[in-house]
Amino acid sequence: MSYEYSEITDPTYLATRQERNEPEYVLVRPTDHSKVPIQDPNWTPKPSVLTSVFRNIDNALQKFEVLPDDVWLASYPKSGTTWCQEMVWLVCNDLDYKRAADVDLVERFPSMKLSGLFSRPGEHRPFKEVLEMPKPRFIKTHLHVGLLPEQIWTVKPKIVYVHRNPKSVAVSFYHHSASFTGYKGTLEDFIRSFMRDLQLYSPYHEHVVEYNMLNHLENVLILRYEDMKQDLLSELKRACQFFNKQYSDKQLETLSKHLSFESMRDNPAVNFSRMVDPRTGFKIPPMESLPENQRFMRKGKADGYKEELSLELQKEIDEWTQNKIKSPEHLKLFM
């Protein structure tokens, strides 16, 4: 598999990139997707928005060695990823709350980093954290299906995918970008570029649909943020069944409490409060000392976007979804 690169020509992006402090994005598309087990014969992957750094690691990603006991968690950013990471890690590690408290989630369940946001200057070994971690490995990624390492389709590790409605994703991704990556545009600026498929890891809809098209595979579990918010215990039982784990009702109730938004928000092992900001070299301030919109975990609501998005923008996002998604079955994924 190799990659086809193309430059972004969108005039708004080109005119405002520096003013909004956005990265230099590039469009990346795999030239061969024949190994991806999506059954739709008409499917071809759309170009994905990545940072230009991807050019430096594409070969390492393509040839990345996948292990049978790996556990991969995939998502579009700000879809409940951290929540699912903690859930999956504990389910797979016999509910080891002590280790979960002692070792930060970013070490227990590192990301296939593409942007270098948390890398130290001078370190150029791609995926260092993943390669050096103990086995079994727990790996997070935001990559589109077509950009995953080739071996993932032959080795067949467990893959969990979590998705969330586009309005919540867009608002949460904006606040994350403004607080952690220095984005200078307004919420509306961000939403409109999101709807033009010009935010990192866009296009959003294709990301969600493509992973859901793998739902027929035994090694793939699809989760939905809103379902987890509505009935976490039921989703925990699905996860336990997927990983062949058995826990008592009391154990699952304890796990559910551990995974509550309040518990996650105040847990330094998962809320990034023990990390050092690579841009400043200083420790990130405790979450409780930051304004709500600057915290890594802000509200944890399924419909918190209603407090921030105008009715007009909400309607535009709905229309955007309906215009892009023609299949009634796929449209259900976004409602």
C-alpha atoms as a PDB file:
ATOM      1  CA  MET A   1       0.000   0.000   0.000  1.00  0.00           C
ATOM      2  CA  SER A   2       1.200   3.456  -0.825  1.00  0.00           C
ATOM      3  CA  TYR A   3      -0.348   6.874  -0.471  1.00  0.00           C
ATOM      4  CA  GLU A   4      -1.533   9.595  -2.791  1.00  0.00           C
ATOM      5  CA  TYR A   5      -0.992  13.142  -1.533  1.00  0.00           C
ATOM      6  CA  SER A   6      -2.777  16.270  -2.657  1.00  0.00           C
ATOM      7  CA  GLU A   7      -2.748  19.845  -1.444  1.00  0.00           C
ATOM      8  CA  ILE A   8      -5.786  21.568   0.025  1.00  0.00           C
ATOM      9  CA  THR A   9      -7.044  24.245  -2.348  1.00  0.00           C
ATOM     10  CA  ASP A  10     -10.002  25.493  -0.303  1.00  0.00           C
ATOM     11  CA  PRO A  11      -9.699  29.318  -0.472  1.00  0.00           C
ATOM     12  CA  THR A  12     -11.010  29.942   3.055  1.00  0.00           C
ATOM     13  CA  TYR A  13      -8.513  27.514   4.569  1.00  0.00           C
ATOM     14  CA  LEU A  14      -5.631  29.033   2.609  1.00  0.00           C
ATOM     15  CA  ALA A  15      -6.641  32.598   3.497  1.00  0.00           C
ATOM     16  CA  THR A  16      -7.195  32.002   7.220  1.00  0.00           C
ATOM     17  CA  ARG A  17      -4.811  29.152   8.168  1.00  0.00           C
ATOM     18  CA  GLN A  18      -2.139  31.338   9.727  1.00  0.00           C
ATOM     19  CA  GLU A  19      -4.608  33.699  11.377  1.00  0.00           C
ATOM     20  CA  ARG A  20      -6.418  30.758  12.976  1.00  0.00           C
ATOM     21  CA  ASN A  21      -3.134  29.009  13.802  1.00  0.00           C
ATOM     22  CA  GLU A  22      -4.107  25.827  12.006  1.00  0.00           C
ATOM     23  CA  PRO A  23      -1.551  23.183  11.031  1.00  0.00           C
ATOM     24  CA  GLU A  24      -0.407  22.677   7.490  1.00  0.00           C
ATOM     25  CA  TYR A  25      -2.861  20.026   6.407  1.00  0.00           C
ATOM     26  CA  VAL A  26      -2.546  17.660   3.468  1.00  0.00           C
ATOM     27  CA  LEU A  27      -5.006  15.235   1.882  1.00  0.00           C
ATOM     28  CA  VAL A  28      -3.932  11.588   2.036  1.00  0.00           C
ATOM     29  CA  ARG A  29      -5.538   8.646   0.274  1.00  0.00           C
ATOM     30  CA  PRO A  30      -4.373   5.014   0.121  1.00  0.00           C
ATOM     31  CA  THR A  31      -3.743   3.888  -3.445  1.00  0.00           C
ATOM     32  CA  ASP A  32      -4.612   0.262  -2.658  1.00  0.00           C
ATOM     33  CA  HIS A  33      -7.476  -0.656  -0.331  1.00  0.00           C
ATOM     34  CA  SER A  34      -8.063  -4.188  -1.611  1.00  0.00           C
ATOM     35  CA  LYS A  35      -7.244  -5.787   1.766  1.00  0.00           C
ATOM     36  CA  VAL A  36      -9.814  -3.759   3.692  1.00  0.00           C
ATOM     37  CA  PRO A  37     -12.742  -6.170   4.350  1.00  0.00           C
ATOM     38  CA  ILE A  38     -15.527  -3.729   3.491  1.00  0.00           C
ATOM     39  CA  GLN A  39     -18.065  -5.698   1.472  1.00  0.00           C
ATOM     40  CA  ASP A  40     -19.510  -2.839  -0.574  1.00  0.00           C
ATOM     41  CA  PRO A  41     -17.924  -3.272  -4.041  1.00  0.00           C
ATOM     42  CA  ASN A  42     -18.464   0.426  -4.776  1.00  0.00           C
ATOM     43  CA  TRP A  43     -16.544   1.641  -1.730  1.00  0.00           C
ATOM     44  CA  THR A  44     -13.386   3.649  -2.275  1.00  0.00           C
ATOM     45  CA  PRO A  45     -11.725   5.631   0.519  1.00  0.00           C
ATOM     46  CA  LYS A  46     -11.954   9.403   0.403  1.00  0.00           C
ATOM     47  CA  PRO A  47      -8.817  11.498   1.056  1.00  0.00           C
ATOM     48  CA  SER A  48      -8.228  12.080   4.762  1.00  0.00           C
ATOM     49  CA  VAL A  49      -7.083  15.384   6.275  1.00  0.00           C
ATOM     50  CA  LEU A  50      -3.781  14.869   8.105  1.00  0.00           C
ATOM     51  CA  THR A  51      -0.884  17.097   9.044  1.00  0.00           C
ATOM     52  CA  SER A  52       2.051  17.292   6.661  1.00  0.00           C
ATOM     53  CA  VAL A  53       4.085  15.332   9.257  1.00  0.00           C
ATOM     54  CA  PHE A  54       2.360  12.208   7.951  1.00  0.00           C
ATOM     55  CA  ARG A  55       4.739  12.174   4.981  1.00  0.00           C
ATOM     56  CA  ASN A  56       7.582  11.389   7.396  1.00  0.00           C
ATOM     57  CA  ILE A  57       5.912   8.344   8.935  1.00  0.00           C
ATOM     58  CA  ASP A  58       3.759   6.857   6.171  1.00  0.00           C
ATOM     59  CA  ASN A  59       6.155   3.998   5.428  1.00  0.00           C
ATOM     60  CA  ALA A  60       6.550   3.128   9.124  1.00  0.00           C
ATOM     61  CA  LEU A  61       2.768   3.104   9.487  1.00  0.00           C
ATOM     62  CA  GLN A  62       2.262   0.947   6.421  1.00  0.00           C
ATOM     63  CA  LYS A  63       4.743  -1.671   7.688  1.00  0.00           C
ATOM     64  CA  PHE A  64       3.819  -1.412  11.387  1.00  0.00           C
ATOM     65  CA  GLU A  65       3.866  -4.879  12.972  1.00  0.00           C
ATOM     66  CA  VAL A  66       0.439  -5.776  14.335  1.00  0.00           C
ATOM     67  CA  LEU A  67       0.274  -8.478  17.025  1.00  0.00           C
ATOM     68  CA  PRO A  68      -2.587 -10.964  17.545  1.00  0.00           C
ATOM     69  CA  ASP A  69      -3.148  -9.902  21.157  1.00  0.00           C
ATOM     70  CA  ASP A  70      -3.210  -6.176  20.361  1.00  0.00           C
ATOM     71  CA  VAL A  71      -6.347  -4.245  21.246  1.00  0.00           C
ATOM     72  CA  TRP A  72      -7.045  -1.268  18.974  1.00  0.00           C
ATOM     73  CA  LEU A  73      -9.472   1.520  19.805  1.00  0.00           C
ATOM     74  CA  ALA A  74     -10.423   3.749  16.888  1.00  0.00           C
ATOM     75  CA  SER A  75     -12.550   6.881  16.746  1.00  0.00           C
ATOM     76  CA  TYR A  76     -12.932  10.273  15.197  1.00  0.00           C
ATOM     77  CA  PRO A  77     -11.505  12.775  17.746  1.00  0.00           C
ATOM     78  CA  LYS A  78     -13.706  13.790  20.690  1.00  0.00           C
ATOM     79  CA  SER A  79     -16.134  10.895  20.325  1.00  0.00           C
ATOM     80  CA  GLY A  80     -15.733   9.462  23.824  1.00  0.00           C
ATOM     81  CA  THR A  81     -12.331   7.946  23.109  1.00  0.00           C
ATOM     82  CA  THR A  82     -10.789   8.427  26.561  1.00  0.00           C
ATOM     83  CA  TRP A  83     -13.904   7.047  28.224  1.00  0.00           C
ATOM     84  CA  CYS A  84     -13.744   3.924  26.050  1.00  0.00           C
ATOM     85  CA  GLN A  85     -10.003   3.527  26.564  1.00  0.00           C
ATOM     86  CA  GLU A  86     -10.427   3.346  30.329  1.00  0.00           C
ATOM     87  CA  MET A  87     -13.369   0.970  29.985  1.00  0.00           C
ATOM     88  CA  VAL A  88     -11.609  -1.373  27.556  1.00  0.00           C
ATOM     89  CA  TRP A  89      -8.351  -1.396  29.519  1.00  0.00           C
ATOM     90  CA  LEU A  90     -10.070  -2.282  32.793  1.00  0.00           C
ATOM     91  CA  VAL A  91     -12.289  -4.944  31.213  1.00  0.00           C
ATOM     92  CA  CYS A  92      -9.234  -6.581  29.630  1.00  0.00           C
ATOM     93  CA  ASN A  93      -7.017  -6.254  32.731  1.00  0.00           C
ATOM     94  CA  ASP A  94      -9.218  -7.927  35.332  1.00  0.00           C
ATOM     95  CA  LEU A  95     -10.453  -4.606  36.753  1.00  0.00           C
ATOM     96  CA  ASP A  96      -6.995  -3.664  38.034  1.00  0.00           C
ATOM     97  CA  TYR A  97      -7.964  -0.293  39.532  1.00  0.00           C
ATOM     98  CA  LYS A  98      -4.650   0.078  41.369  1.00  0.00           C
ATOM     99  CA  ARG A  99      -2.562  -0.075  38.212  1.00  0.00           C
ATOM    100  CA  ALA A 100      -5.099   2.109  36.444  1.00  0.00           C
ATOM    101  CA  ALA A 101      -4.579   4.748  39.140  1.00  0.00           C
ATOM    102  CA  ASP A 102      -0.783   4.426  39.269  1.00  0.00           C
ATOM    103  CA  VAL A 103      -0.115   4.505  35.512  1.00  0.00           C
ATOM    104  CA  ASP A 104      -1.558   7.262  33.343  1.00  0.00           C
ATOM    105  CA  LEU A 105      -3.912   6.183  30.591  1.00  0.00           C
ATOM    106  CA  VAL A 106      -1.624   7.699  27.941  1.00  0.00           C
ATOM    107  CA  GLU A 107       1.013   5.134  29.008  1.00  0.00           C
ATOM    108  CA  ARG A 108      -1.358   2.183  29.374  1.00  0.00           C
ATOM    109  CA  PHE A 109      -3.186   2.955  26.136  1.00  0.00           C
ATOM    110  CA  PRO A 110      -0.960   5.171  23.945  1.00  0.00           C
ATOM    111  CA  SER A 111      -1.903   6.724  20.646  1.00  0.00           C
ATOM    112  CA  MET A 112      -0.464   6.120  17.195  1.00  0.00           C
ATOM    113  CA  LYS A 113       0.649   9.756  17.188  1.00  0.00           C
ATOM    114  CA  LEU A 114       0.792  11.496  13.834  1.00  0.00           C
ATOM    115  CA  SER A 115       1.093  15.163  14.719  1.00  0.00           C
ATOM    116  CA  GLY A 116       3.983  15.031  17.174  1.00  0.00           C
ATOM    117  CA  LEU A 117       1.989  17.253  19.534  1.00  0.00           C
ATOM    118  CA  PHE A 118       3.343  15.547  22.640  1.00  0.00           C
ATOM    119  CA  SER A 119       6.722  14.519  21.224  1.00  0.00           C
ATOM    120  CA  ARG A 120       9.982  15.941  22.466  1.00  0.00           C
ATOM    121  CA  PRO A 121      12.149  17.843  19.988  1.00  0.00           C
ATOM    122  CA  GLY A 122      14.690  15.585  18.321  1.00  0.00           C
ATOM    123  CA  GLU A 123      12.719  12.377  18.788  1.00  0.00           C
ATOM    124  CA  HIS A 124      11.939  10.979  15.356  1.00  0.00           C
ATOM    125  CA  ARG A 125      11.186   7.314  15.993  1.00  0.00           C
ATOM    126  CA  PRO A 126       7.611   6.830  14.791  1.00  0.00           C
ATOM    127  CA  PHE A 127       5.206   5.242  17.268  1.00  0.00           C
ATOM    128  CA  LYS A 128       7.906   4.962  19.948  1.00  0.00           C
ATOM    129  CA  GLU A 129       5.437   4.717  22.849  1.00  0.00           C
ATOM    130  CA  VAL A 130       3.507   1.878  21.215  1.00  0.00           C
ATOM    131  CA  LEU A 131       6.592  -0.075  20.184  1.00  0.00           C
ATOM    132  CA  GLU A 132       8.115   0.066  23.666  1.00  0.00           C
ATOM    133  CA  MET A 133       5.028  -0.717  25.728  1.00  0.00           C
ATOM    134  CA  PRO A 134       4.507  -4.110  27.421  1.00  0.00           C
ATOM    135  CA  LYS A 135       2.291  -6.709  25.794  1.00  0.00           C
ATOM    136  CA  PRO A 136      -0.581  -7.092  25.288  1.00  0.00           C
ATOM    137  CA  ARG A 137      -0.625  -3.651  23.702  1.00  0.00           C
ATOM    138  CA  PHE A 138      -3.546  -1.261  23.850  1.00  0.00           C
ATOM    139  CA  ILE A 139      -3.413   1.187  20.945  1.00  0.00           C
ATOM    140  CA  LYS A 140      -5.533   4.247  20.182  1.00  0.00           C
ATOM    141  CA  THR A 141      -5.904   5.671  16.689  1.00  0.00           C
ATOM    142  CA  HIS A 142      -7.979   8.276  14.868  1.00  0.00           C
ATOM    143  CA  LEU A 143      -6.966   7.001  11.427  1.00  0.00           C
ATOM    144  CA  HIS A 144      -9.532   6.230   8.764  1.00  0.00           C
ATOM    145  CA  VAL A 145     -10.059   2.558   7.954  1.00  0.00           C
ATOM    146  CA  GLY A 146      -8.102   2.757   4.706  1.00  0.00           C
ATOM    147  CA  LEU A 147      -5.014   4.156   6.442  1.00  0.00           C
ATOM    148  CA  LEU A 148      -4.619   1.489   9.129  1.00  0.00           C
ATOM    149  CA  PRO A 149      -1.479  -0.704   8.977  1.00  0.00           C
ATOM    150  CA  GLU A 150      -1.692  -3.440   6.339  1.00  0.00           C
ATOM    151  CA  GLN A 151      -1.233  -6.255   8.861  1.00  0.00           C
ATOM    152  CA  ILE A 152      -4.339  -5.328  10.815  1.00  0.00           C
ATOM    153  CA  TRP A 153      -6.471  -7.131   8.211  1.00  0.00           C
ATOM    154  CA  THR A 154      -4.459 -10.369   8.244  1.00  0.00           C
ATOM    155  CA  VAL A 155      -3.483 -10.579  11.924  1.00  0.00           C
ATOM    156  CA  LYS A 156      -7.017  -9.578  13.013  1.00  0.00           C
ATOM    157  CA  PRO A 157      -6.543  -8.116  16.500  1.00  0.00           C
ATOM    158  CA  LYS A 158      -9.546  -6.915  18.483  1.00  0.00           C
ATOM    159  CA  ILE A 159     -10.779  -3.525  17.230  1.00  0.00           C
ATOM    160  CA  VAL A 160     -13.236  -1.312  19.116  1.00  0.00           C
ATOM    161  CA  TYR A 161     -14.749   1.705  17.382  1.00  0.00           C
ATOM    162  CA  VAL A 162     -16.720   4.430  19.160  1.00  0.00           C
ATOM    163  CA  HIS A 163     -18.668   7.180  17.420  1.00  0.00           C
ATOM    164  CA  ARG A 164     -20.693  10.204  18.503  1.00  0.00           C
ATOM    165  CA  ASN A 165     -23.188  12.587  16.904  1.00  0.00           C
ATOM    166  CA  PRO A 166     -21.606  15.283  14.709  1.00  0.00           C
ATOM    167  CA  LYS A 167     -22.880  18.300  16.649  1.00  0.00           C
ATOM    168  CA  SER A 168     -21.321  17.098  19.911  1.00  0.00           C
ATOM    169  CA  VAL A 169     -18.112  16.102  18.141  1.00  0.00           C
ATOM    170  CA  ALA A 170     -17.756  19.479  16.452  1.00  0.00           C
ATOM    171  CA  VAL A 171     -18.257  21.520  19.636  1.00  0.00           C
ATOM    172  CA  SER A 172     -15.981  19.308  21.729  1.00  0.00           C
ATOM    173  CA  PHE A 173     -13.292  19.219  19.024  1.00  0.00           C
ATOM    174  CA  TYR A 174     -13.372  23.014  18.807  1.00  0.00           C
ATOM    175  CA  HIS A 175     -12.784  23.465  22.542  1.00  0.00           C
ATOM    176  CA  HIS A 176     -10.045  20.831  22.507  1.00  0.00           C
ATOM    177  CA  SER A 177      -8.324  22.550  19.582  1.00  0.00           C
ATOM    178  CA  ALA A 178      -8.609  25.995  21.185  1.00  0.00           C
ATOM    179  CA  SER A 179      -7.282  24.800  24.553  1.00  0.00           C
ATOM    180  CA  PHE A 180      -4.644  22.248  23.568  1.00  0.00           C
ATOM    181  CA  THR A 181      -3.421  23.031  20.040  1.00  0.00           C
ATOM    182  CA  GLY A 182      -3.727  26.820  19.941  1.00  0.00           C
ATOM    183  CA  TYR A 183      -6.586  27.182  17.459  1.00  0.00           C
ATOM    184  CA  LYS A 184      -7.460  30.904  17.205  1.00  0.00           C
ATOM    185  CA  GLY A 185     -10.696  30.849  15.207  1.00  0.00           C
ATOM    186  CA  THR A 186     -14.209  31.109  16.613  1.00  0.00           C
ATOM    187  CA  LEU A 187     -16.572  28.217  17.284  1.00  0.00           C
ATOM    188  CA  GLU A 188     -18.475  29.071  14.106  1.00  0.00           C
ATOM    189  CA  ASP A 189     -15.222  29.206  12.105  1.00  0.00           C
ATOM    190  CA  PHE A 190     -14.378  25.722  13.330  1.00  0.00           C
ATOM    191  CA  ILE A 191     -17.850  24.326  12.675  1.00  0.00           C
ATOM    192  CA  ARG A 192     -17.859  25.627   9.109  1.00  0.00           C
ATOM    193  CA  SER A 193     -14.450  24.127   8.310  1.00  0.00           C
ATOM    194  CA  PHE A 194     -15.641  20.879   9.941  1.00  0.00           C
ATOM    195  CA  MET A 195     -18.619  20.931   7.541  1.00  0.00           C
ATOM    196  CA  ARG A 196     -16.229  21.496   4.620  1.00  0.00           C
ATOM    197  CA  ASP A 197     -14.362  18.349   5.744  1.00  0.00           C
ATOM    198  CA  LEU A 198     -11.251  20.376   6.539  1.00  0.00           C
ATOM    199  CA  GLN A 199     -10.510  19.554  10.152  1.00  0.00           C
ATOM    200  CA  LEU A 200      -7.930  17.007  11.258  1.00  0.00           C
ATOM    201  CA  TYR A 201      -9.009  13.434  10.412  1.00  0.00           C
ATOM    202  CA  SER A 202     -11.904  14.675   8.276  1.00  0.00           C
ATOM    203  CA  PRO A 203     -14.077  13.627   6.525  1.00  0.00           C
ATOM    204  CA  TYR A 204     -16.114  12.843   9.635  1.00  0.00           C
ATOM    205  CA  HIS A 205     -19.082  11.011   8.074  1.00  0.00           C
ATOM    206  CA  GLU A 206     -16.916   8.666   6.026  1.00  0.00           C
ATOM    207  CA  HIS A 207     -14.876   7.899   9.150  1.00  0.00           C
ATOM    208  CA  VAL A 208     -17.992   6.712  10.982  1.00  0.00           C
ATOM    209  CA  VAL A 209     -19.591   4.880   8.061  1.00  0.00           C
ATOM    210  CA  GLU A 210     -16.431   3.008   7.055  1.00  0.00           C
ATOM    211  CA  TYR A 211     -15.824   1.547  10.507  1.00  0.00           C
ATOM    212  CA  ASN A 212     -19.480   0.588  10.816  1.00  0.00           C
ATOM    213  CA  MET A 213     -19.109  -1.269   7.515  1.00  0.00           C
ATOM    214  CA  LEU A 214     -16.729  -3.598   9.385  1.00  0.00           C
ATOM    215  CA  ASN A 215     -19.450  -4.544  11.860  1.00  0.00           C
ATOM    216  CA  HIS A 216     -19.780  -8.002  10.294  1.00  0.00           C
ATOM    217  CA  LEU A 217     -16.290  -8.970  11.497  1.00  0.00           C
ATOM    218  CA  GLU A 218     -15.989 -11.035  14.680  1.00  0.00           C
ATOM    219  CA  ASN A 219     -12.986  -9.025  15.845  1.00  0.00           C
ATOM    220  CA  VAL A 220     -14.763  -5.645  15.611  1.00  0.00           C
ATOM    221  CA  LEU A 221     -17.016  -4.059  18.254  1.00  0.00           C
ATOM    222  CA  ILE A 222     -18.933  -0.875  17.442  1.00  0.00           C
ATOM    223  CA  LEU A 223     -19.958   1.407  20.326  1.00  0.00           C
ATOM    224  CA  ARG A 224     -21.964   4.609  20.315  1.00  0.00           C
ATOM    225  CA  TYR A 225     -21.328   7.400  22.816  1.00  0.00           C
ATOM    226  CA  GLU A 226     -25.027   8.161  23.234  1.00  0.00           C
ATOM    227  CA  ASP A 227     -25.821   4.497  23.971  1.00  0.00           C
ATOM    228  CA  MET A 228     -23.114   4.453  26.632  1.00  0.00           C
ATOM    229  CA  LYS A 229     -24.560   7.573  28.235  1.00  0.00           C
ATOM    230  CA  GLN A 230     -28.055   6.095  28.220  1.00  0.00           C
ATOM    231  CA  ASP A 231     -27.258   2.598  29.501  1.00  0.00           C
ATOM    232  CA  LEU A 232     -23.616   2.093  30.394  1.00  0.00           C
ATOM    233  CA  LEU A 233     -24.180  -1.258  32.103  1.00  0.00           C
ATOM    234  CA  SER A 234     -25.597  -2.782  28.927  1.00  0.00           C
ATOM    235  CA  GLU A 235     -22.647  -1.526  26.889  1.00  0.00           C
ATOM    236  CA  LEU A 236     -20.225  -2.845  29.523  1.00  0.00           C
ATOM    237  CA  LYS A 237     -21.794  -6.280  29.176  1.00  0.00           C
ATOM    238  CA  ARG A 238     -21.378  -6.094  25.392  1.00  0.00           C
ATOM    239  CA  ALA A 239     -17.708  -5.215  25.859  1.00  0.00           C
ATOM    240  CA  CYS A 240     -17.193  -8.060  28.330  1.00  0.00           C
ATOM    241  CA  GLN A 241     -18.775 -10.529  25.926  1.00  0.00           C
ATOM    242  CA  PHE A 242     -16.584  -9.240  23.088  1.00  0.00           C
ATOM    243  CA  PHE A 243     -13.415  -9.739  25.147  1.00  0.00           C
ATOM    244  CA  ASN A 244     -14.597 -13.042  26.679  1.00  0.00           C
ATOM    245  CA  LYS A 245     -14.566 -11.613  30.194  1.00  0.00           C
ATOM    246  CA  GLN A 246     -17.009 -12.436  32.971  1.00  0.00           C
ATOM    247  CA  TYR A 247     -17.675 -10.157  35.935  1.00  0.00           C
ATOM    248  CA  SER A 248     -20.377 -10.145  38.582  1.00  0.00           C
ATOM    249  CA  ASP A 249     -23.159  -7.573  38.611  1.00  0.00           C
ATOM    250  CA  LYS A 250     -21.509  -5.956  41.625  1.00  0.00           C
ATOM    251  CA  GLN A 251     -18.177  -5.698  39.800  1.00  0.00           C
ATOM    252  CA  LEU A 252     -19.869  -4.150  36.783  1.00  0.00           C
ATOM    253  CA  GLU A 253     -21.691  -1.677  39.009  1.00  0.00           C
ATOM    254  CA  THR A 254     -18.361  -0.637  40.559  1.00  0.00           C
ATOM    255  CA  LEU A 255     -16.849  -0.275  37.083  1.00  0.00           C
ATOM    256  CA  SER A 256     -19.817   1.807  35.980  1.00  0.00           C
ATOM    257  CA  LYS A 257     -19.272   4.194  38.896  1.00  0.00           C
ATOM    258  CA  HIS A 258     -15.559   4.399  38.089  1.00  0.00           C
ATOM    259  CA  LEU A 259     -16.476   5.344  34.515  1.00  0.00           C
ATOM    260  CA  SER A 260     -18.976   8.039  35.487  1.00  0.00           C
ATOM    261  CA  PHE A 261     -18.208  11.488  34.120  1.00  0.00           C
ATOM    262  CA  GLU A 262     -17.592  12.895  37.595  1.00  0.00           C
ATOM    263  CA  SER A 263     -15.134  10.114  38.426  1.00  0.00           C
ATOM    264  CA  MET A 264     -13.323  10.392  35.090  1.00  0.00           C
ATOM    265  CA  ARG A 265     -13.164  14.197  35.300  1.00  0.00           C
ATOM    266  CA  ASP A 266     -11.524  14.053  38.736  1.00  0.00           C
ATOM    267  CA  ASN A 267      -9.200  11.122  37.965  1.00  0.00           C
ATOM    268  CA  PRO A 268      -5.625  12.404  37.361  1.00  0.00           C
ATOM    269  CA  ALA A 269      -4.705   9.160  35.583  1.00  0.00           C
ATOM    270  CA  VAL A 270      -7.114   9.925  32.745  1.00  0.00           C
ATOM    271  CA  ASN A 271      -7.764  13.692  32.748  1.00  0.00           C
ATOM    272  CA  PHE A 272      -4.262  14.691  31.541  1.00  0.00           C
ATOM    273  CA  SER A 273      -3.579  16.761  34.676  1.00  0.00           C
ATOM    274  CA  ARG A 274      -0.290  14.922  35.328  1.00  0.00           C
ATOM    275  CA  MET A 275       1.040  15.659  31.860  1.00  0.00           C
ATOM    276  CA  VAL A 276       3.549  18.299  30.822  1.00  0.00           C
ATOM    277  CA  ASP A 277       2.512  20.714  28.076  1.00  0.00           C
ATOM    278  CA  PRO A 278       5.177  20.222  25.360  1.00  0.00           C
ATOM    279  CA  ARG A 279       4.674  23.796  24.140  1.00  0.00           C
ATOM    280  CA  THR A 280       5.695  25.325  27.485  1.00  0.00           C
ATOM    281  CA  GLY A 281       7.534  22.590  29.371  1.00  0.00           C
ATOM    282  CA  PHE A 282       5.257  23.173  32.349  1.00  0.00           C
ATOM    283  CA  LYS A 283       2.829  20.791  33.982  1.00  0.00           C
ATOM    284  CA  ILE A 284      -0.733  21.192  32.744  1.00  0.00           C
ATOM    285  CA  PRO A 285      -2.768  22.956  35.472  1.00  0.00           C
ATOM    286  CA  PRO A 286      -5.181  20.830  37.516  1.00  0.00           C
ATOM    287  CA  MET A 287      -8.521  20.444  35.751  1.00  0.00           C
ATOM    288  CA  GLU A 288     -10.454  22.044  38.601  1.00  0.00           C
ATOM    289  CA  SER A 289      -8.379  25.229  38.294  1.00  0.00           C
ATOM    290  CA  LEU A 290      -9.264  25.721  34.616  1.00  0.00           C
ATOM    291  CA  PRO A 291     -12.439  27.221  33.150  1.00  0.00           C
ATOM    292  CA  GLU A 292     -14.818  24.452  32.094  1.00  0.00           C
ATOM    293  CA  ASN A 293     -14.282  25.029  28.369  1.00  0.00           C
ATOM    294  CA  GLN A 294     -10.496  24.631  28.744  1.00  0.00           C
ATOM    295  CA  ARG A 295     -10.627  21.277  30.510  1.00  0.00           C
ATOM    296  CA  PHE A 296      -9.808  18.056  28.691  1.00  0.00           C
ATOM    297  CA  MET A 297     -13.120  16.722  30.016  1.00  0.00           C
ATOM    298  CA  ARG A 298     -15.690  19.489  29.930  1.00  0.00           C
ATOM    299  CA  LYS A 299     -19.308  18.412  30.322  1.00  0.00           C
ATOM    300  CA  GLY A 300     -19.754  14.775  29.354  1.00  0.00           C
ATOM    301  CA  LYS A 301     -23.301  15.333  28.096  1.00  0.00           C
ATOM    302  CA  ALA A 302     -24.882  13.641  25.102  1.00  0.00           C
ATOM    303  CA  ASP A 303     -26.549  16.884  24.021  1.00  0.00           C
ATOM    304  CA  GLY A 304     -24.303  19.575  25.506  1.00  0.00           C
ATOM    305  CA  TYR A 305     -23.982  21.140  22.062  1.00  0.00           C
ATOM    306  CA  LYS A 306     -27.469  22.634  22.525  1.00  0.00           C
ATOM    307  CA  GLU A 307     -26.003  25.071  25.045  1.00  0.00           C
ATOM    308  CA  GLU A 308     -23.482  26.446  22.540  1.00  0.00           C
ATOM    309  CA  LEU A 309     -24.725  25.987  18.985  1.00  0.00           C
ATOM    310  CA  SER A 310     -27.336  28.320  17.572  1.00  0.00           C
ATOM    311  CA  LEU A 311     -30.464  26.665  16.196  1.00  0.00           C
ATOM    312  CA  GLU A 312     -29.321  27.800  12.761  1.00  0.00           C
ATOM    313  CA  LEU A 313     -25.979  26.005  13.052  1.00  0.00           C
ATOM    314  CA  GLN A 314     -27.656  22.899  14.446  1.00  0.00           C
ATOM    315  CA  LYS A 315     -29.955  22.867  11.422  1.00  0.00           C
ATOM    316  CA  GLU A 316     -27.026  23.368   9.040  1.00  0.00           C
ATOM    317  CA  ILE A 317     -25.168  20.403  10.528  1.00  0.00           C
ATOM    318  CA  ASP A 318     -28.282  18.236  10.202  1.00  0.00           C
ATOM    319  CA  GLU A 319     -28.702  19.288   6.564  1.00  0.00           C
ATOM    320  CA  TRP A 320     -25.012  18.642   5.910  1.00  0.00           C
ATOM    321  CA  THR A 321     -25.430  15.102   7.237  1.00  0.00           C
ATOM    322  CA  GLN A 322     -28.575  14.462   5.212  1.00  0.00           C
ATOM    323  CA  ASN A 323     -26.931  15.752   2.042  1.00  0.00           C
ATOM    324  CA  LYS A 324     -23.853  13.562   2.498  1.00  0.00           C
ATOM    325  CA  ILE A 325     -25.503  10.362   3.713  1.00  0.00           C
ATOM    326  CA  LYS A 326     -28.019   8.909   1.275  1.00  0.00           C
ATOM    327  CA  SER A 327     -28.374   5.440   2.799  1.00  0.00           C
ATOM    328  CA  PRO A 328     -31.219   5.318   5.386  1.00  0.00           C
ATOM    329  CA  GLU A 329     -29.281   2.664   7.300  1.00  0.00           C
ATOM    330  CA  HIS A 330     -26.169   4.802   7.502  1.00  0.00           C
ATOM    331  CA  LEU A 331     -28.182   7.909   8.336  1.00  0.00           C
ATOM    332  CA  LYS A 332     -29.267   6.224  11.586  1.00  0.00           C
ATOM    333  CA  LEU A 333     -25.645   6.364  12.750  1.00  0.00           C
ATOM    334  CA  PHE A 334     -25.840  10.150  13.040  1.00  0.00           C
ATOM    335  CA  MET A 335     -29.258  10.628  14.613  1.00  0.00           C
END
